[in-house]
Amino acid sequence: MEFMCQVCGKNFSKKYNLNRHLNKHAGTGSYICCGLMFPDRFKLNRHRASKHGGPRTFVCITCAKDFSSQTELNGHQKTHDKKSYLQCQQCAHKAKGERDLREHMAKHSGDKRYQCDRCEKAYKFRVSLSQHRKTHTD
């Protein structure tokens, strides 16, 4: 039996996973850290491990840099493969992936794509919005 999200159409094999997924659409979460909400303990722990000095047991065999998750390590390892870099069409920058290239392209435009959901401020970069969110303490 499959359970389908009525918001985005994504299918789940377990109702529990659908309910957990629905929290993302609702913007609700049971766990909060750094002003960010996480829908479950797993995502909260992953955040804490990567951002707050948790155990970093995944080590790159090329450069010995350590990471808190296999996913982070896998993303990092792509940086060692020069063929996987994406060239910016406006300057000499080489991006590590599609997301990195989108972030970089914001430097070439005036677009402020990252809007705060608690006030009117908007930012070119996701990291700038993340820093700003910390100023909302309530």
C-alpha atoms as a PDB file:
ATOM      1  CA  MET A   1       0.000   0.000   0.000  1.00  0.00           C
ATOM      2  CA  GLU A   2       1.263   3.471  -0.876  1.00  0.00           C
ATOM      3  CA  PHE A   3       0.483   6.754   0.850  1.00  0.00           C
ATOM      4  CA  MET A   4       0.544   9.851  -1.349  1.00  0.00           C
ATOM      5  CA  CYS A   5       1.198  13.410  -0.192  1.00  0.00           C
ATOM      6  CA  GLN A   6      -1.769  15.541  -1.268  1.00  0.00           C
ATOM      7  CA  VAL A   7       0.471  18.629  -1.436  1.00  0.00           C
ATOM      8  CA  CYS A   8       3.278  17.500  -3.745  1.00  0.00           C
ATOM      9  CA  GLY A   9       2.286  14.015  -4.947  1.00  0.00           C
ATOM     10  CA  LYS A  10       5.266  12.200  -3.446  1.00  0.00           C
ATOM     11  CA  ASN A  11       4.535   8.558  -2.504  1.00  0.00           C
ATOM     12  CA  PHE A  12       5.496   6.769   0.700  1.00  0.00           C
ATOM     13  CA  SER A  13       5.378   3.093   1.625  1.00  0.00           C
ATOM     14  CA  LYS A  14       4.556   3.864   5.281  1.00  0.00           C
ATOM     15  CA  LYS A  15       2.015   6.261   6.742  1.00  0.00           C
ATOM     16  CA  TYR A  16       4.559   7.324   9.389  1.00  0.00           C
ATOM     17  CA  ASN A  17       6.910   8.554   6.638  1.00  0.00           C
ATOM     18  CA  LEU A  18       4.068  10.474   4.965  1.00  0.00           C
ATOM     19  CA  ASN A  19       3.167  12.167   8.261  1.00  0.00           C
ATOM     20  CA  ARG A  20       6.801  13.082   8.862  1.00  0.00           C
ATOM     21  CA  HIS A  21       6.996  14.463   5.319  1.00  0.00           C
ATOM     22  CA  LEU A  22       3.828  16.557   5.796  1.00  0.00           C
ATOM     23  CA  ASN A  23       5.578  18.488   8.582  1.00  0.00           C
ATOM     24  CA  LYS A  24       7.886  19.937   5.918  1.00  0.00           C
ATOM     25  CA  HIS A  25       4.934  21.426   4.038  1.00  0.00           C
ATOM     26  CA  ALA A  26       3.356  22.724   7.225  1.00  0.00           C
ATOM     27  CA  GLY A  27       6.605  24.332   8.330  1.00  0.00           C
ATOM     28  CA  THR A  28       6.232  22.705  11.703  1.00  0.00           C
ATOM     29  CA  GLY A  29       8.801  20.767  13.588  1.00  0.00           C
ATOM     30  CA  SER A  30       9.170  19.365  17.023  1.00  0.00           C
ATOM     31  CA  TYR A  31      12.874  20.133  17.327  1.00  0.00           C
ATOM     32  CA  ILE A  32      14.516  23.566  17.213  1.00  0.00           C
ATOM     33  CA  CYS A  33      18.179  24.578  17.099  1.00  0.00           C
ATOM     34  CA  CYS A  34      19.770  27.849  15.912  1.00  0.00           C
ATOM     35  CA  GLY A  35      16.312  29.205  15.145  1.00  0.00           C
ATOM     36  CA  LEU A  36      15.722  26.400  12.656  1.00  0.00           C
ATOM     37  CA  MET A  37      12.982  23.772  12.983  1.00  0.00           C
ATOM     38  CA  PHE A  38      13.558  20.082  12.295  1.00  0.00           C
ATOM     39  CA  PRO A  39      10.690  17.657  11.671  1.00  0.00           C
ATOM     40  CA  ASP A  40      12.341  14.783  13.498  1.00  0.00           C
ATOM     41  CA  ARG A  41      15.157  13.892  15.875  1.00  0.00           C
ATOM     42  CA  PHE A  42      17.270  12.378  13.061  1.00  0.00           C
ATOM     43  CA  LYS A  43      17.476  15.680  11.161  1.00  0.00           C
ATOM     44  CA  LEU A  44      18.127  17.603  14.374  1.00  0.00           C
ATOM     45  CA  ASN A  45      20.985  15.261  15.297  1.00  0.00           C
ATOM     46  CA  ARG A  46      22.418  15.483  11.778  1.00  0.00           C
ATOM     47  CA  HIS A  47      22.354  19.286  12.060  1.00  0.00           C
ATOM     48  CA  ARG A  48      24.010  19.237  15.482  1.00  0.00           C
ATOM     49  CA  ALA A  49      26.712  16.842  14.318  1.00  0.00           C
ATOM     50  CA  SER A  50      27.604  18.913  11.269  1.00  0.00           C
ATOM     51  CA  LYS A  51      27.255  22.409  12.754  1.00  0.00           C
ATOM     52  CA  HIS A  52      28.047  22.014  16.456  1.00  0.00           C
ATOM     53  CA  GLY A  53      31.091  19.780  16.671  1.00  0.00           C
ATOM     54  CA  GLY A  54      29.480  16.362  16.842  1.00  0.00           C
ATOM     55  CA  PRO A  55      31.455  13.224  16.028  1.00  0.00           C
ATOM     56  CA  ARG A  56      33.116  13.391  12.626  1.00  0.00           C
ATOM     57  CA  THR A  57      33.791   9.777  11.774  1.00  0.00           C
ATOM     58  CA  PHE A  58      33.625   9.913   7.965  1.00  0.00           C
ATOM     59  CA  VAL A  59      37.077  10.685   6.547  1.00  0.00           C
ATOM     60  CA  CYS A  60      38.036  11.563   2.975  1.00  0.00           C
ATOM     61  CA  ILE A  61      40.711   9.164   1.730  1.00  0.00           C
ATOM     62  CA  THR A  62      42.127  11.830  -0.603  1.00  0.00           C
ATOM     63  CA  CYS A  63      42.721  14.717   1.809  1.00  0.00           C
ATOM     64  CA  ALA A  64      41.859  13.333   5.291  1.00  0.00           C
ATOM     65  CA  LYS A  65      39.152  15.959   5.924  1.00  0.00           C
ATOM     66  CA  ASP A  66      36.512  14.553   8.293  1.00  0.00           C
ATOM     67  CA  PHE A  67      32.713  14.807   8.165  1.00  0.00           C
ATOM     68  CA  SER A  68      29.776  14.003  10.401  1.00  0.00           C
ATOM     69  CA  SER A  69      27.813  12.056   7.759  1.00  0.00           C
ATOM     70  CA  GLN A  70      28.350   9.866   4.729  1.00  0.00           C
ATOM     71  CA  THR A  71      26.256  12.308   2.677  1.00  0.00           C
ATOM     72  CA  GLU A  72      28.587  15.195   3.498  1.00  0.00           C
ATOM     73  CA  LEU A  73      31.628  13.055   2.689  1.00  0.00           C
ATOM     74  CA  ASN A  74      30.133  11.975  -0.641  1.00  0.00           C
ATOM     75  CA  GLY A  75      29.473  15.601  -1.598  1.00  0.00           C
ATOM     76  CA  HIS A  76      32.998  16.579  -0.590  1.00  0.00           C
ATOM     77  CA  GLN A  77      34.638  13.764  -2.539  1.00  0.00           C
ATOM     78  CA  LYS A  78      33.164  15.170  -5.753  1.00  0.00           C
ATOM     79  CA  THR A  79      35.350  18.250  -5.244  1.00  0.00           C
ATOM     80  CA  HIS A  80      38.411  16.113  -5.938  1.00  0.00           C
ATOM     81  CA  ASP A  81      37.068  15.155  -9.367  1.00  0.00           C
ATOM     82  CA  LYS A  82      37.830  18.196 -11.528  1.00  0.00           C
ATOM     83  CA  LYS A  83      35.578  16.829 -14.304  1.00  0.00           C
ATOM     84  CA  SER A  84      32.517  17.267 -12.083  1.00  0.00           C
ATOM     85  CA  TYR A  85      33.050  21.042 -11.681  1.00  0.00           C
ATOM     86  CA  LEU A  86      30.612  23.394 -13.449  1.00  0.00           C
ATOM     87  CA  GLN A  87      32.069  26.459 -15.156  1.00  0.00           C
ATOM     88  CA  CYS A  88      30.425  29.833 -14.579  1.00  0.00           C
ATOM     89  CA  GLN A  89      29.642  31.420 -17.957  1.00  0.00           C
ATOM     90  CA  GLN A  90      30.389  34.932 -16.668  1.00  0.00           C
ATOM     91  CA  CYS A  91      33.712  34.479 -14.870  1.00  0.00           C
ATOM     92  CA  ALA A  92      36.427  31.931 -14.108  1.00  0.00           C
ATOM     93  CA  HIS A  93      34.628  30.401 -11.093  1.00  0.00           C
ATOM     94  CA  LYS A  94      34.215  26.635 -11.095  1.00  0.00           C
ATOM     95  CA  ALA A  95      31.308  25.385  -8.993  1.00  0.00           C
ATOM     96  CA  LYS A  96      31.271  22.070  -7.130  1.00  0.00           C
ATOM     97  CA  GLY A  97      27.698  21.329  -8.203  1.00  0.00           C
ATOM     98  CA  GLU A  98      24.405  22.792  -9.434  1.00  0.00           C
ATOM     99  CA  ARG A  99      23.507  24.298  -6.058  1.00  0.00           C
ATOM    100  CA  ASP A 100      26.950  25.849  -5.683  1.00  0.00           C
ATOM    101  CA  LEU A 101      26.676  27.336  -9.181  1.00  0.00           C
ATOM    102  CA  ARG A 102      23.230  28.823  -8.406  1.00  0.00           C
ATOM    103  CA  GLU A 103      24.619  30.357  -5.208  1.00  0.00           C
ATOM    104  CA  HIS A 104      27.603  31.739  -7.135  1.00  0.00           C
ATOM    105  CA  MET A 105      25.417  33.192  -9.916  1.00  0.00           C
ATOM    106  CA  ALA A 106      23.700  35.380  -7.311  1.00  0.00           C
ATOM    107  CA  LYS A 107      26.932  37.389  -7.206  1.00  0.00           C
ATOM    108  CA  HIS A 108      26.347  38.372 -10.830  1.00  0.00           C
ATOM    109  CA  SER A 109      22.738  39.493 -10.331  1.00  0.00           C
ATOM    110  CA  GLY A 110      20.814  41.725  -7.975  1.00  0.00           C
ATOM    111  CA  ASP A 111      18.326  38.954  -7.185  1.00  0.00           C
ATOM    112  CA  LYS A 112      17.629  38.310  -3.531  1.00  0.00           C
ATOM    113  CA  ARG A 113      16.085  34.850  -3.707  1.00  0.00           C
ATOM    114  CA  TYR A 114      16.191  34.000   0.008  1.00  0.00           C
ATOM    115  CA  GLN A 115      13.291  35.687   1.829  1.00  0.00           C
ATOM    116  CA  CYS A 116      12.926  35.589   5.617  1.00  0.00           C
ATOM    117  CA  ASP A 117       9.594  34.064   6.583  1.00  0.00           C
ATOM    118  CA  ARG A 118       9.416  36.197   9.735  1.00  0.00           C
ATOM    119  CA  CYS A 119      10.125  39.681   8.355  1.00  0.00           C
ATOM    120  CA  GLU A 120      10.605  41.549   5.069  1.00  0.00           C
ATOM    121  CA  LYS A 121      14.348  41.035   4.700  1.00  0.00           C
ATOM    122  CA  ALA A 122      15.713  39.153   1.688  1.00  0.00           C
ATOM    123  CA  TYR A 123      19.220  37.986   0.823  1.00  0.00           C
ATOM    124  CA  LYS A 124      21.245  36.881  -2.161  1.00  0.00           C
ATOM    125  CA  PHE A 125      22.762  33.958  -0.296  1.00  0.00           C
ATOM    126  CA  ARG A 126      21.204  31.163   1.764  1.00  0.00           C
ATOM    127  CA  VAL A 127      23.958  31.446   4.355  1.00  0.00           C
ATOM    128  CA  SER A 128      23.119  35.136   4.846  1.00  0.00           C
ATOM    129  CA  LEU A 129      19.488  34.247   5.495  1.00  0.00           C
ATOM    130  CA  SER A 130      20.565  31.538   7.947  1.00  0.00           C
ATOM    131  CA  GLN A 131      22.657  34.069   9.858  1.00  0.00           C
ATOM    132  CA  HIS A 132      19.764  36.547   9.847  1.00  0.00           C
ATOM    133  CA  ARG A 133      17.283  33.980  11.196  1.00  0.00           C
ATOM    134  CA  LYS A 134      19.348  33.775  14.363  1.00  0.00           C
ATOM    135  CA  THR A 135      18.339  37.362  15.144  1.00  0.00           C
ATOM    136  CA  HIS A 136      14.707  36.253  15.579  1.00  0.00           C
ATOM    137  CA  THR A 137      14.659  35.005  19.154  1.00  0.00           C
ATOM    138  CA  ASP A 138      10.941  34.487  19.853  1.00  0.00           C
END
